[in-house]
Amino acid sequence: MTTTPVRQSCTGKFPFPSRELAEASAVRMRKRKSQHQAAQTYRCHHCGKWHIGGSRPAYVVHSTQNFKRRRREAGEVGGED
């Protein structure tokens, strides 16, 4: 059995073997979280599998990035004790 190397564009994305499975998961995401309204399925031109992607509103992206940065900074400060 051969494995396809994971490209950077595929890192962190679940590879669905079929469009139907990816679409079913995207539908669940859209129902569960309003921020995933843009979740769409697409065939990856790197690995050939199906992924879920889409653009999130800028405020969601920025708030997530800020949260991760603050958490990382807090860990650096807290780790010095």
PDB file of N, CA and C in Angstrom:
ATOM      1  N   MET A   1       0.846  -1.177   0.000  1.00  0.00           N
ATOM      2  CA  MET A   1       0.000   0.000   0.000  1.00  0.00           C
ATOM      3  C   MET A   1       0.889   1.236   0.000  1.00  0.00           C
ATOM      4  N   THR A   2       0.643   2.145  -0.898  1.00  0.00           N
ATOM      5  CA  THR A   2       1.421   3.372  -0.946  1.00  0.00           C
ATOM      6  C   THR A   2       0.629   4.506  -0.328  1.00  0.00           C
ATOM      7  N   THR A   3       1.340   5.426   0.273  1.00  0.00           N
ATOM      8  CA  THR A   3       0.679   6.578   0.862  1.00  0.00           C
ATOM      9  C   THR A   3       1.062   7.819   0.076  1.00  0.00           C
ATOM     10  N   THR A   4       0.113   8.694  -0.061  1.00  0.00           N
ATOM     11  CA  THR A   4       0.349   9.949  -0.746  1.00  0.00           C
ATOM     12  C   THR A   4       0.923  10.936   0.253  1.00  0.00           C
ATOM     13  N   PRO A   5       2.042  11.594  -0.082  1.00  0.00           N
ATOM     14  CA  PRO A   5       2.584  12.566   0.869  1.00  0.00           C
ATOM     15  C   PRO A   5       1.619  13.735   1.056  1.00  0.00           C
ATOM     16  N   VAL A   6       1.529  14.217   2.289  1.00  0.00           N
ATOM     17  CA  VAL A   6       0.620  15.314   2.597  1.00  0.00           C
ATOM     18  C   VAL A   6       1.294  16.623   2.199  1.00  0.00           C
ATOM     19  N   ARG A   7       0.641  17.361   1.343  1.00  0.00           N
ATOM     20  CA  ARG A   7       1.151  18.674   0.936  1.00  0.00           C
ATOM     21  C   ARG A   7       0.734  19.702   1.978  1.00  0.00           C
ATOM     22  N   GLN A   8       1.415  20.811   1.999  1.00  0.00           N
ATOM     23  CA  GLN A   8       1.097  21.837   2.975  1.00  0.00           C
ATOM     24  C   GLN A   8      -0.353  22.306   2.841  1.00  0.00           C
ATOM     25  N   SER A   9      -0.857  22.356   1.634  1.00  0.00           N
ATOM     26  CA  SER A   9      -2.241  22.804   1.460  1.00  0.00           C
ATOM     27  C   SER A   9      -3.249  21.799   2.016  1.00  0.00           C
ATOM     28  N   CYS A  10      -2.842  20.558   2.227  1.00  0.00           N
ATOM     29  CA  CYS A  10      -3.735  19.530   2.763  1.00  0.00           C
ATOM     30  C   CYS A  10      -3.577  19.351   4.273  1.00  0.00           C
ATOM     31  N   THR A  11      -2.559  19.960   4.858  1.00  0.00           N
ATOM     32  CA  THR A  11      -2.286  19.803   6.278  1.00  0.00           C
ATOM     33  C   THR A  11      -3.470  20.284   7.107  1.00  0.00           C
ATOM     34  N   GLY A  12      -3.934  19.442   8.003  1.00  0.00           N
ATOM     35  CA  GLY A  12      -5.036  19.799   8.882  1.00  0.00           C
ATOM     36  C   GLY A  12      -6.413  19.590   8.287  1.00  0.00           C
ATOM     37  N   LYS A  13      -6.484  19.162   7.053  1.00  0.00           N
ATOM     38  CA  LYS A  13      -7.776  18.927   6.406  1.00  0.00           C
ATOM     39  C   LYS A  13      -8.016  17.425   6.304  1.00  0.00           C
ATOM     40  N   PHE A  14      -9.228  17.019   6.626  1.00  0.00           N
ATOM     41  CA  PHE A  14      -9.565  15.607   6.551  1.00  0.00           C
ATOM     42  C   PHE A  14      -9.806  15.224   5.099  1.00  0.00           C
ATOM     43  N   PRO A  15      -9.158  14.182   4.606  1.00  0.00           N
ATOM     44  CA  PRO A  15      -9.376  13.758   3.212  1.00  0.00           C
ATOM     45  C   PRO A  15     -10.561  12.800   3.104  1.00  0.00           C
ATOM     46  N   PHE A  16     -11.632  13.251   2.497  1.00  0.00           N
ATOM     47  CA  PHE A  16     -12.801  12.402   2.291  1.00  0.00           C
ATOM     48  C   PHE A  16     -12.624  11.632   0.990  1.00  0.00           C
ATOM     49  N   PRO A  17     -12.932  10.329   0.973  1.00  0.00           N
ATOM     50  CA  PRO A  17     -12.757   9.542  -0.248  1.00  0.00           C
ATOM     51  C   PRO A  17     -13.799   9.830  -1.328  1.00  0.00           C
ATOM     52  N   SER A  18     -14.953  10.404  -0.934  1.00  0.00           N
ATOM     53  CA  SER A  18     -15.989  10.681  -1.932  1.00  0.00           C
ATOM     54  C   SER A  18     -16.643  12.030  -1.651  1.00  0.00           C
ATOM     55  N   ARG A  19     -17.233  12.578  -2.695  1.00  0.00           N
ATOM     56  CA  ARG A  19     -17.926  13.855  -2.554  1.00  0.00           C
ATOM     57  C   ARG A  19     -19.131  13.718  -1.634  1.00  0.00           C
ATOM     58  N   GLU A  20     -19.810  12.602  -1.708  1.00  0.00           N
ATOM     59  CA  GLU A  20     -21.004  12.387  -0.890  1.00  0.00           C
ATOM     60  C   GLU A  20     -20.678  12.455   0.599  1.00  0.00           C
ATOM     61  N   LEU A  21     -19.590  11.813   1.010  1.00  0.00           N
ATOM     62  CA  LEU A  21     -19.204  11.848   2.429  1.00  0.00           C
ATOM     63  C   LEU A  21     -18.800  13.248   2.854  1.00  0.00           C
ATOM     64  N   ALA A  22     -18.053  13.938   1.999  1.00  0.00           N
ATOM     65  CA  ALA A  22     -17.632  15.304   2.313  1.00  0.00           C
ATOM     66  C   ALA A  22     -18.842  16.229   2.408  1.00  0.00           C
ATOM     67  N   GLU A  23     -19.773  16.083   1.498  1.00  0.00           N
ATOM     68  CA  GLU A  23     -20.953  16.949   1.500  1.00  0.00           C
ATOM     69  C   GLU A  23     -21.822  16.686   2.724  1.00  0.00           C
ATOM     70  N   ALA A  24     -21.953  15.440   3.122  1.00  0.00           N
ATOM     71  CA  ALA A  24     -22.736  15.120   4.325  1.00  0.00           C
ATOM     72  C   ALA A  24     -22.111  15.773   5.558  1.00  0.00           C
ATOM     73  N   SER A  25     -20.798  15.750   5.647  1.00  0.00           N
ATOM     74  CA  SER A  25     -20.111  16.377   6.769  1.00  0.00           C
ATOM     75  C   SER A  25     -20.259  17.898   6.713  1.00  0.00           C
ATOM     76  N   ALA A  26     -20.164  18.487   5.518  1.00  0.00           N
ATOM     77  CA  ALA A  26     -20.312  19.932   5.367  1.00  0.00           C
ATOM     78  C   ALA A  26     -21.723  20.378   5.766  1.00  0.00           C
ATOM     79  N   VAL A  27     -22.718  19.588   5.423  1.00  0.00           N
ATOM     80  CA  VAL A  27     -24.095  19.911   5.802  1.00  0.00           C
ATOM     81  C   VAL A  27     -24.229  19.926   7.322  1.00  0.00           C
ATOM     82  N   ARG A  28     -23.644  18.929   7.993  1.00  0.00           N
ATOM     83  CA  ARG A  28     -23.681  18.894   9.461  1.00  0.00           C
ATOM     84  C   ARG A  28     -22.972  20.111  10.052  1.00  0.00           C
ATOM     85  N   MET A  29     -21.830  20.499   9.462  1.00  0.00           N
ATOM     86  CA  MET A  29     -21.108  21.672   9.946  1.00  0.00           C
ATOM     87  C   MET A  29     -21.952  22.931   9.803  1.00  0.00           C
ATOM     88  N   ARG A  30     -22.610  23.079   8.662  1.00  0.00           N
ATOM     89  CA  ARG A  30     -23.417  24.275   8.433  1.00  0.00           C
ATOM     90  C   ARG A  30     -24.602  24.340   9.389  1.00  0.00           C
ATOM     91  N   LYS A  31     -25.184  23.197   9.723  1.00  0.00           N
ATOM     92  CA  LYS A  31     -26.306  23.178  10.657  1.00  0.00           C
ATOM     93  C   LYS A  31     -25.850  23.469  12.085  1.00  0.00           C
ATOM     94  N   ARG A  32     -24.665  22.986  12.439  1.00  0.00           N
ATOM     95  CA  ARG A  32     -24.176  23.095  13.807  1.00  0.00           C
ATOM     96  C   ARG A  32     -23.635  24.481  14.130  1.00  0.00           C
ATOM     97  N   LYS A  33     -22.901  25.072  13.226  1.00  0.00           N
ATOM     98  CA  LYS A  33     -22.247  26.349  13.495  1.00  0.00           C
ATOM     99  C   LYS A  33     -22.549  27.342  12.388  1.00  0.00           C
ATOM    100  N   SER A  34     -23.063  28.495  12.750  1.00  0.00           N
ATOM    101  CA  SER A  34     -23.389  29.488  11.734  1.00  0.00           C
ATOM    102  C   SER A  34     -22.138  30.030  11.052  1.00  0.00           C
ATOM    103  N   GLN A  35     -20.971  29.988  11.711  1.00  0.00           N
ATOM    104  CA  GLN A  35     -19.754  30.504  11.096  1.00  0.00           C
ATOM    105  C   GLN A  35     -19.279  29.622   9.947  1.00  0.00           C
ATOM    106  N   HIS A  36     -19.837  28.426   9.821  1.00  0.00           N
ATOM    107  CA  HIS A  36     -19.442  27.518   8.751  1.00  0.00           C
ATOM    108  C   HIS A  36     -20.408  27.566   7.567  1.00  0.00           C
ATOM    109  N   GLN A  37     -21.164  28.643   7.458  1.00  0.00           N
ATOM    110  CA  GLN A  37     -22.132  28.742   6.366  1.00  0.00           C
ATOM    111  C   GLN A  37     -21.451  28.620   5.008  1.00  0.00           C
ATOM    112  N   ALA A  38     -20.176  29.018   4.931  1.00  0.00           N
ATOM    113  CA  ALA A  38     -19.477  28.982   3.655  1.00  0.00           C
ATOM    114  C   ALA A  38     -18.805  27.627   3.392  1.00  0.00           C
ATOM    115  N   ALA A  39     -18.985  26.671   4.275  1.00  0.00           N
ATOM    116  CA  ALA A  39     -18.319  25.370   4.112  1.00  0.00           C
ATOM    117  C   ALA A  39     -18.785  24.699   2.819  1.00  0.00           C
ATOM    118  N   GLN A  40     -17.845  24.480   1.926  1.00  0.00           N
ATOM    119  CA  GLN A  40     -18.134  23.853   0.639  1.00  0.00           C
ATOM    120  C   GLN A  40     -17.165  22.698   0.416  1.00  0.00           C
ATOM    121  N   THR A  41     -17.589  21.732  -0.353  1.00  0.00           N
ATOM    122  CA  THR A  41     -16.706  20.616  -0.679  1.00  0.00           C
ATOM    123  C   THR A  41     -15.969  20.918  -1.979  1.00  0.00           C
ATOM    124  N   TYR A  42     -14.747  20.412  -2.070  1.00  0.00           N
ATOM    125  CA  TYR A  42     -13.980  20.573  -3.300  1.00  0.00           C
ATOM    126  C   TYR A  42     -12.982  19.433  -3.426  1.00  0.00           C
ATOM    127  N   ARG A  43     -12.647  19.102  -4.656  1.00  0.00           N
ATOM    128  CA  ARG A  43     -11.641  18.074  -4.906  1.00  0.00           C
ATOM    129  C   ARG A  43     -10.275  18.752  -4.906  1.00  0.00           C
ATOM    130  N   CYS A  44      -9.385  18.243  -4.080  1.00  0.00           N
ATOM    131  CA  CYS A  44      -8.048  18.812  -3.952  1.00  0.00           C
ATOM    132  C   CYS A  44      -7.206  18.449  -5.179  1.00  0.00           C
ATOM    133  N   HIS A  45      -6.573  19.441  -5.764  1.00  0.00           N
ATOM    134  CA  HIS A  45      -5.748  19.159  -6.939  1.00  0.00           C
ATOM    135  C   HIS A  45      -4.372  18.625  -6.549  1.00  0.00           C
ATOM    136  N   HIS A  46      -4.074  18.596  -5.239  1.00  0.00           N
ATOM    137  CA  HIS A  46      -2.805  18.028  -4.775  1.00  0.00           C
ATOM    138  C   HIS A  46      -2.925  16.527  -4.493  1.00  0.00           C
ATOM    139  N   CYS A  47      -3.941  16.159  -3.708  1.00  0.00           N
ATOM    140  CA  CYS A  47      -4.052  14.758  -3.290  1.00  0.00           C
ATOM    141  C   CYS A  47      -5.167  14.001  -4.000  1.00  0.00           C
ATOM    142  N   GLY A  48      -6.090  14.708  -4.657  1.00  0.00           N
ATOM    143  CA  GLY A  48      -7.178  14.055  -5.368  1.00  0.00           C
ATOM    144  C   GLY A  48      -8.352  13.666  -4.491  1.00  0.00           C
ATOM    145  N   LYS A  49      -8.252  13.887  -3.183  1.00  0.00           N
ATOM    146  CA  LYS A  49      -9.358  13.579  -2.264  1.00  0.00           C
ATOM    147  C   LYS A  49     -10.276  14.790  -2.171  1.00  0.00           C
ATOM    148  N   TRP A  50     -11.355  14.631  -1.430  1.00  0.00           N
ATOM    149  CA  TRP A  50     -12.307  15.713  -1.217  1.00  0.00           C
ATOM    150  C   TRP A  50     -12.056  16.355   0.145  1.00  0.00           C
ATOM    151  N   HIS A  51     -12.101  17.671   0.198  1.00  0.00           N
ATOM    152  CA  HIS A  51     -11.935  18.426   1.439  1.00  0.00           C
ATOM    153  C   HIS A  51     -13.135  19.346   1.609  1.00  0.00           C
ATOM    154  N   ILE A  52     -13.256  19.892   2.818  1.00  0.00           N
ATOM    155  CA  ILE A  52     -14.259  20.908   3.101  1.00  0.00           C
ATOM    156  C   ILE A  52     -13.513  22.205   3.325  1.00  0.00           C
ATOM    157  N   GLY A  53     -13.952  23.247   2.671  1.00  0.00           N
ATOM    158  CA  GLY A  53     -13.297  24.540   2.831  1.00  0.00           C
ATOM    159  C   GLY A  53     -14.259  25.652   2.519  1.00  0.00           C
ATOM    160  N   GLY A  54     -13.747  26.821   2.577  1.00  0.00           N
ATOM    161  CA  GLY A  54     -14.552  27.999   2.300  1.00  0.00           C
ATOM    162  C   GLY A  54     -14.034  29.145   3.127  1.00  0.00           C
ATOM    163  N   SER A  55     -14.384  30.310   2.722  1.00  0.00           N
ATOM    164  CA  SER A  55     -13.899  31.475   3.457  1.00  0.00           C
ATOM    165  C   SER A  55     -14.822  31.747   4.631  1.00  0.00           C
ATOM    166  N   ARG A  56     -14.198  32.073   5.735  1.00  0.00           N
ATOM    167  CA  ARG A  56     -14.954  32.468   6.917  1.00  0.00           C
ATOM    168  C   ARG A  56     -14.955  33.987   6.967  1.00  0.00           C
ATOM    169  N   PRO A  57     -15.935  34.566   7.619  1.00  0.00           N
ATOM    170  CA  PRO A  57     -15.930  36.019   7.755  1.00  0.00           C
ATOM    171  C   PRO A  57     -14.648  36.496   8.425  1.00  0.00           C
ATOM    172  N   ALA A  58     -14.169  37.665   8.040  1.00  0.00           N
ATOM    173  CA  ALA A  58     -12.897  38.175   8.552  1.00  0.00           C
ATOM    174  C   ALA A  58     -12.899  38.278  10.075  1.00  0.00           C
ATOM    175  N   TYR A  59     -14.037  38.659  10.674  1.00  0.00           N
ATOM    176  CA  TYR A  59     -14.057  38.801  12.127  1.00  0.00           C
ATOM    177  C   TYR A  59     -13.828  37.460  12.822  1.00  0.00           C
ATOM    178  N   VAL A  60     -14.263  36.372  12.219  1.00  0.00           N
ATOM    179  CA  VAL A  60     -14.043  35.049  12.807  1.00  0.00           C
ATOM    180  C   VAL A  60     -12.569  34.684  12.701  1.00  0.00           C
ATOM    181  N   VAL A  61     -11.976  34.917  11.550  1.00  0.00           N
ATOM    182  CA  VAL A  61     -10.567  34.604  11.340  1.00  0.00           C
ATOM    183  C   VAL A  61      -9.704  35.420  12.284  1.00  0.00           C
ATOM    184  N   HIS A  62      -9.954  36.725  12.362  1.00  0.00           N
ATOM    185  CA  HIS A  62      -9.134  37.592  13.199  1.00  0.00           C
ATOM    186  C   HIS A  62      -9.320  37.289  14.675  1.00  0.00           C
ATOM    187  N   SER A  63     -10.541  37.034  15.109  1.00  0.00           N
ATOM    188  CA  SER A  63     -10.750  36.735  16.522  1.00  0.00           C
ATOM    189  C   SER A  63     -10.097  35.419  16.900  1.00  0.00           C
ATOM    190  N   THR A  64     -10.101  34.450  15.987  1.00  0.00           N
ATOM    191  CA  THR A  64      -9.436  33.172  16.253  1.00  0.00           C
ATOM    192  C   THR A  64      -7.931  33.361  16.325  1.00  0.00           C
ATOM    193  N   GLN A  65      -7.379  34.123  15.395  1.00  0.00           N
ATOM    194  CA  GLN A  65      -5.939  34.382  15.406  1.00  0.00           C
ATOM    195  C   GLN A  65      -5.536  35.138  16.659  1.00  0.00           C
ATOM    196  N   ASN A  66      -6.317  36.142  17.042  1.00  0.00           N
ATOM    197  CA  ASN A  66      -6.009  36.904  18.251  1.00  0.00           C
ATOM    198  C   ASN A  66      -6.092  36.039  19.489  1.00  0.00           C
ATOM    199  N   PHE A  67      -7.086  35.181  19.562  1.00  0.00           N
ATOM    200  CA  PHE A  67      -7.227  34.278  20.706  1.00  0.00           C
ATOM    201  C   PHE A  67      -6.016  33.359  20.821  1.00  0.00           C
ATOM    202  N   LYS A  68      -5.600  32.775  19.691  1.00  0.00           N
ATOM    203  CA  LYS A  68      -4.442  31.875  19.714  1.00  0.00           C
ATOM    204  C   LYS A  68      -3.173  32.625  20.105  1.00  0.00           C
ATOM    205  N   ARG A  69      -3.007  33.851  19.599  1.00  0.00           N
ATOM    206  CA  ARG A  69      -1.831  34.647  19.934  1.00  0.00           C
ATOM    207  C   ARG A  69      -1.822  34.975  21.425  1.00  0.00           C
ATOM    208  N   ARG A  70      -2.971  35.419  21.964  1.00  0.00           N
ATOM    209  CA  ARG A  70      -3.026  35.747  23.397  1.00  0.00           C
ATOM    210  C   ARG A  70      -2.772  34.518  24.251  1.00  0.00           C
ATOM    211  N   ARG A  71      -3.312  33.375  23.841  1.00  0.00           N
ATOM    212  CA  ARG A  71      -3.092  32.142  24.596  1.00  0.00           C
ATOM    213  C   ARG A  71      -1.620  31.749  24.566  1.00  0.00           C
ATOM    214  N   ARG A  72      -0.996  31.891  23.396  1.00  0.00           N
ATOM    215  CA  ARG A  72       0.414  31.566  23.259  1.00  0.00           C
ATOM    216  C   ARG A  72       1.267  32.511  24.120  1.00  0.00           C
ATOM    217  N   GLU A  73       0.959  33.809  24.098  1.00  0.00           N
ATOM    218  CA  GLU A  73       1.689  34.783  24.902  1.00  0.00           C
ATOM    219  C   GLU A  73       1.504  34.533  26.394  1.00  0.00           C
ATOM    220  N   ALA A  74       0.295  34.176  26.787  1.00  0.00           N
ATOM    221  CA  ALA A  74       0.026  33.878  28.189  1.00  0.00           C
ATOM    222  C   ALA A  74       0.802  32.641  28.633  1.00  0.00           C
ATOM    223  N   GLY A  75       0.921  31.671  27.749  1.00  0.00           N
ATOM    224  CA  GLY A  75       1.693  30.466  28.068  1.00  0.00           C
ATOM    225  C   GLY A  75       3.167  30.765  28.226  1.00  0.00           C
ATOM    226  N   GLU A  76       3.677  31.691  27.413  1.00  0.00           N
ATOM    227  CA  GLU A  76       5.085  32.081  27.528  1.00  0.00           C
ATOM    228  C   GLU A  76       5.350  32.798  28.825  1.00  0.00           C
ATOM    229  N   VAL A  77       4.435  33.676  29.219  1.00  0.00           N
ATOM    230  CA  VAL A  77       4.586  34.415  30.470  1.00  0.00           C
ATOM    231  C   VAL A  77       4.416  33.476  31.648  1.00  0.00           C
ATOM    232  N   GLY A  78       3.391  32.626  31.592  1.00  0.00           N
ATOM    233  CA  GLY A  78       3.129  31.697  32.681  1.00  0.00           C
ATOM    234  C   GLY A  78       4.178  30.613  32.828  1.00  0.00           C
ATOM    235  N   GLY A  79       4.850  30.270  31.752  1.00  0.00           N
ATOM    236  CA  GLY A  79       5.848  29.224  31.786  1.00  0.00           C
ATOM    237  C   GLY A  79       7.163  29.626  32.410  1.00  0.00           C
ATOM    238  N   GLU A  80       7.349  30.956  32.670  1.00  0.00           N
ATOM    239  CA  GLU A  80       8.601  31.423  33.223  1.00  0.00           C
ATOM    240  C   GLU A  80       8.659  31.258  34.732  1.00  0.00           C
ATOM    241  N   ASP A  81       7.534  30.995  35.402  1.00  0.00           N
ATOM    242  CA  ASP A  81       7.519  30.875  36.864  1.00  0.00           C
ATOM    243  C   ASP A  81       8.229  29.639  37.336  1.00  0.00           C
TER     244      ASP A  81
END
